[in-house]
Amino acid sequence: MATGTSNSPHQPIDAYTRLAHLLPTPTPDREALLDRLHEELLTRESRAYAAGWTDALTEARRSRP
């Protein structure tokens, strides 16, 4: 979830939009689909974590006298 204070160059994609894109794409089997979904979740988690740190650092810099 984007907070609006991070300086990410990428426009966030709605999770439902991304899932709607991933699910209809052809995959060899269920395991491949689960791997794709897991990879997507890890990517989103990493971006959210990085954005949170960026937001926290920005806020800490603002609060310094």
N, C-alpha and C. Protein backbone atom coordinates (compact mmCIF):
# COMPACT_ATOMS: atom_id res chain seq x y z
N MET A 1 0.84 -1.17 0.00
CA MET A 1 0.00 0.00 0.00
C MET A 1 0.89 1.24 0.00
N ALA A 2 0.68 2.11 -0.94
CA ALA A 2 1.47 3.33 -1.02
C ALA A 2 0.90 4.37 -0.08
N THR A 3 1.80 5.07 0.61
CA THR A 3 1.35 6.08 1.55
C THR A 3 1.33 7.46 0.94
N GLY A 4 1.98 7.61 -0.22
CA GLY A 4 1.99 8.89 -0.88
C GLY A 4 3.20 9.74 -0.55
N THR A 5 3.99 9.34 0.44
CA THR A 5 5.16 10.14 0.79
C THR A 5 6.45 9.57 0.23
N SER A 6 6.44 8.34 -0.23
CA SER A 6 7.65 7.78 -0.80
C SER A 6 7.84 8.30 -2.22
N ASN A 7 9.06 8.27 -2.67
CA ASN A 7 9.40 8.78 -4.00
C ASN A 7 9.55 7.65 -5.00
N SER A 8 8.61 6.76 -5.06
CA SER A 8 8.67 5.63 -5.97
C SER A 8 8.39 6.11 -7.39
N PRO A 9 9.26 5.73 -8.36
CA PRO A 9 9.04 6.16 -9.74
C PRO A 9 7.91 5.40 -10.42
N HIS A 10 7.47 4.29 -9.84
CA HIS A 10 6.44 3.47 -10.46
C HIS A 10 5.07 3.77 -9.87
N GLN A 11 4.10 3.85 -10.75
CA GLN A 11 2.72 4.04 -10.29
C GLN A 11 2.24 2.73 -9.68
N PRO A 12 1.71 2.74 -8.46
CA PRO A 12 1.24 1.49 -7.88
C PRO A 12 0.08 0.89 -8.68
N ILE A 13 0.10 -0.42 -8.81
CA ILE A 13 -0.96 -1.13 -9.53
C ILE A 13 -1.87 -1.76 -8.48
N ASP A 14 -3.15 -1.58 -8.66
CA ASP A 14 -4.12 -2.17 -7.76
C ASP A 14 -3.93 -3.68 -7.73
N ALA A 15 -4.01 -4.29 -6.55
CA ALA A 15 -3.80 -5.73 -6.41
C ALA A 15 -4.79 -6.53 -7.24
N TYR A 16 -6.04 -6.08 -7.28
CA TYR A 16 -7.04 -6.80 -8.07
C TYR A 16 -6.72 -6.74 -9.55
N THR A 17 -6.23 -5.59 -10.02
CA THR A 17 -5.86 -5.45 -11.42
C THR A 17 -4.72 -6.39 -11.76
N ARG A 18 -3.72 -6.46 -10.87
CA ARG A 18 -2.57 -7.33 -11.11
C ARG A 18 -3.00 -8.80 -11.10
N LEU A 19 -3.83 -9.19 -10.16
CA LEU A 19 -4.32 -10.57 -10.12
C LEU A 19 -5.14 -10.89 -11.37
N ALA A 20 -5.96 -9.95 -11.79
CA ALA A 20 -6.76 -10.15 -13.00
C ALA A 20 -5.86 -10.35 -14.21
N HIS A 21 -4.70 -9.73 -14.18
CA HIS A 21 -3.74 -9.90 -15.28
C HIS A 21 -3.03 -11.25 -15.18
N LEU A 22 -2.66 -11.65 -13.97
CA LEU A 22 -1.90 -12.89 -13.78
C LEU A 22 -2.75 -14.15 -14.01
N LEU A 23 -3.96 -14.16 -13.50
CA LEU A 23 -4.75 -15.38 -13.52
C LEU A 23 -5.11 -15.89 -14.92
N PRO A 24 -5.49 -15.05 -15.87
CA PRO A 24 -5.85 -15.60 -17.18
C PRO A 24 -4.65 -15.98 -18.06
N THR A 25 -3.43 -15.60 -17.68
CA THR A 25 -2.29 -15.93 -18.52
C THR A 25 -2.06 -17.44 -18.48
N PRO A 26 -1.67 -18.00 -19.60
CA PRO A 26 -1.48 -19.45 -19.63
C PRO A 26 -0.31 -19.90 -18.75
N THR A 27 -0.55 -20.91 -17.95
CA THR A 27 0.50 -21.51 -17.12
C THR A 27 0.45 -23.01 -17.32
N PRO A 28 1.61 -23.65 -17.25
CA PRO A 28 1.66 -25.09 -17.47
C PRO A 28 0.85 -25.89 -16.45
N ASP A 29 0.82 -25.43 -15.21
CA ASP A 29 0.11 -26.18 -14.17
C ASP A 29 -0.19 -25.28 -12.98
N ARG A 30 -0.86 -25.83 -12.00
CA ARG A 30 -1.22 -25.07 -10.80
C ARG A 30 0.01 -24.60 -10.04
N GLU A 31 1.02 -25.44 -9.98
CA GLU A 31 2.23 -25.08 -9.25
C GLU A 31 2.89 -23.85 -9.86
N ALA A 32 2.90 -23.77 -11.18
CA ALA A 32 3.47 -22.60 -11.84
C ALA A 32 2.67 -21.34 -11.51
N LEU A 33 1.35 -21.47 -11.47
CA LEU A 33 0.51 -20.33 -11.12
C LEU A 33 0.77 -19.89 -9.68
N LEU A 34 0.87 -20.85 -8.77
CA LEU A 34 1.16 -20.52 -7.38
C LEU A 34 2.53 -19.86 -7.25
N ASP A 35 3.50 -20.33 -8.02
CA ASP A 35 4.83 -19.71 -8.01
C ASP A 35 4.75 -18.26 -8.47
N ARG A 36 3.96 -18.01 -9.51
CA ARG A 36 3.80 -16.63 -10.00
C ARG A 36 3.16 -15.74 -8.94
N LEU A 37 2.11 -16.25 -8.31
CA LEU A 37 1.42 -15.47 -7.29
C LEU A 37 2.33 -15.22 -6.08
N HIS A 38 3.09 -16.23 -5.70
CA HIS A 38 4.02 -16.08 -4.58
C HIS A 38 5.08 -15.04 -4.91
N GLU A 39 5.60 -15.08 -6.11
CA GLU A 39 6.60 -14.10 -6.54
C GLU A 39 6.02 -12.68 -6.51
N GLU A 40 4.79 -12.55 -6.97
CA GLU A 40 4.12 -11.24 -6.96
C GLU A 40 3.94 -10.73 -5.53
N LEU A 41 3.53 -11.60 -4.62
CA LEU A 41 3.36 -11.20 -3.23
C LEU A 41 4.68 -10.78 -2.60
N LEU A 42 5.74 -11.52 -2.87
CA LEU A 42 7.06 -11.15 -2.34
C LEU A 42 7.52 -9.81 -2.88
N THR A 43 7.27 -9.57 -4.16
CA THR A 43 7.65 -8.29 -4.77
C THR A 43 6.90 -7.15 -4.12
N ARG A 44 5.59 -7.33 -3.94
CA ARG A 44 4.78 -6.28 -3.31
C ARG A 44 5.19 -6.05 -1.86
N GLU A 45 5.49 -7.12 -1.15
CA GLU A 45 5.91 -7.00 0.24
C GLU A 45 7.24 -6.25 0.32
N SER A 46 8.17 -6.55 -0.57
CA SER A 46 9.46 -5.87 -0.57
C SER A 46 9.29 -4.38 -0.87
N ARG A 47 8.45 -4.06 -1.84
CA ARG A 47 8.22 -2.64 -2.17
C ARG A 47 7.56 -1.91 -1.01
N ALA A 48 6.60 -2.54 -0.36
CA ALA A 48 5.92 -1.91 0.77
C ALA A 48 6.89 -1.70 1.93
N TYR A 49 7.74 -2.68 2.17
CA TYR A 49 8.74 -2.57 3.24
C TYR A 49 9.69 -1.42 2.95
N ALA A 50 10.20 -1.35 1.71
CA ALA A 50 11.12 -0.28 1.32
C ALA A 50 10.43 1.08 1.41
N ALA A 51 9.18 1.16 0.97
CA ALA A 51 8.44 2.42 1.04
C ALA A 51 8.24 2.85 2.49
N GLY A 52 7.97 1.89 3.36
CA GLY A 52 7.80 2.21 4.77
C GLY A 52 9.07 2.78 5.38
N TRP A 53 10.22 2.20 5.04
CA TRP A 53 11.48 2.72 5.54
C TRP A 53 11.75 4.10 4.97
N THR A 54 11.46 4.30 3.70
CA THR A 54 11.65 5.61 3.08
C THR A 54 10.78 6.65 3.77
N ASP A 55 9.52 6.29 4.02
CA ASP A 55 8.61 7.20 4.71
C ASP A 55 9.10 7.51 6.12
N ALA A 56 9.55 6.48 6.82
CA ALA A 56 10.02 6.67 8.19
C ALA A 56 11.27 7.56 8.23
N LEU A 57 12.19 7.36 7.31
CA LEU A 57 13.40 8.18 7.26
C LEU A 57 13.07 9.62 6.92
N THR A 58 12.16 9.81 5.97
CA THR A 58 11.74 11.16 5.60
C THR A 58 11.11 11.87 6.80
N GLU A 59 10.25 11.16 7.51
CA GLU A 59 9.59 11.75 8.68
C GLU A 59 10.61 12.05 9.77
N ALA A 60 11.59 11.19 9.97
CA ALA A 60 12.62 11.41 10.99
C ALA A 60 13.45 12.65 10.64
N ARG A 61 13.76 12.81 9.37
CA ARG A 61 14.53 13.99 8.94
C ARG A 61 13.74 15.27 9.17
N ARG A 62 12.45 15.22 8.96
CA ARG A 62 11.60 16.40 9.15
C ARG A 62 11.52 16.79 10.62
N SER A 63 11.57 15.81 11.50
CA SER A 63 11.37 16.09 12.92
C SER A 63 12.66 16.54 13.62
N ARG A 64 13.78 16.48 12.92
CA ARG A 64 15.03 16.94 13.54
C ARG A 64 15.04 18.46 13.66
N PRO A 65 15.59 18.96 14.77
CA PRO A 65 15.61 20.42 14.94
C PRO A 65 16.61 21.10 14.02
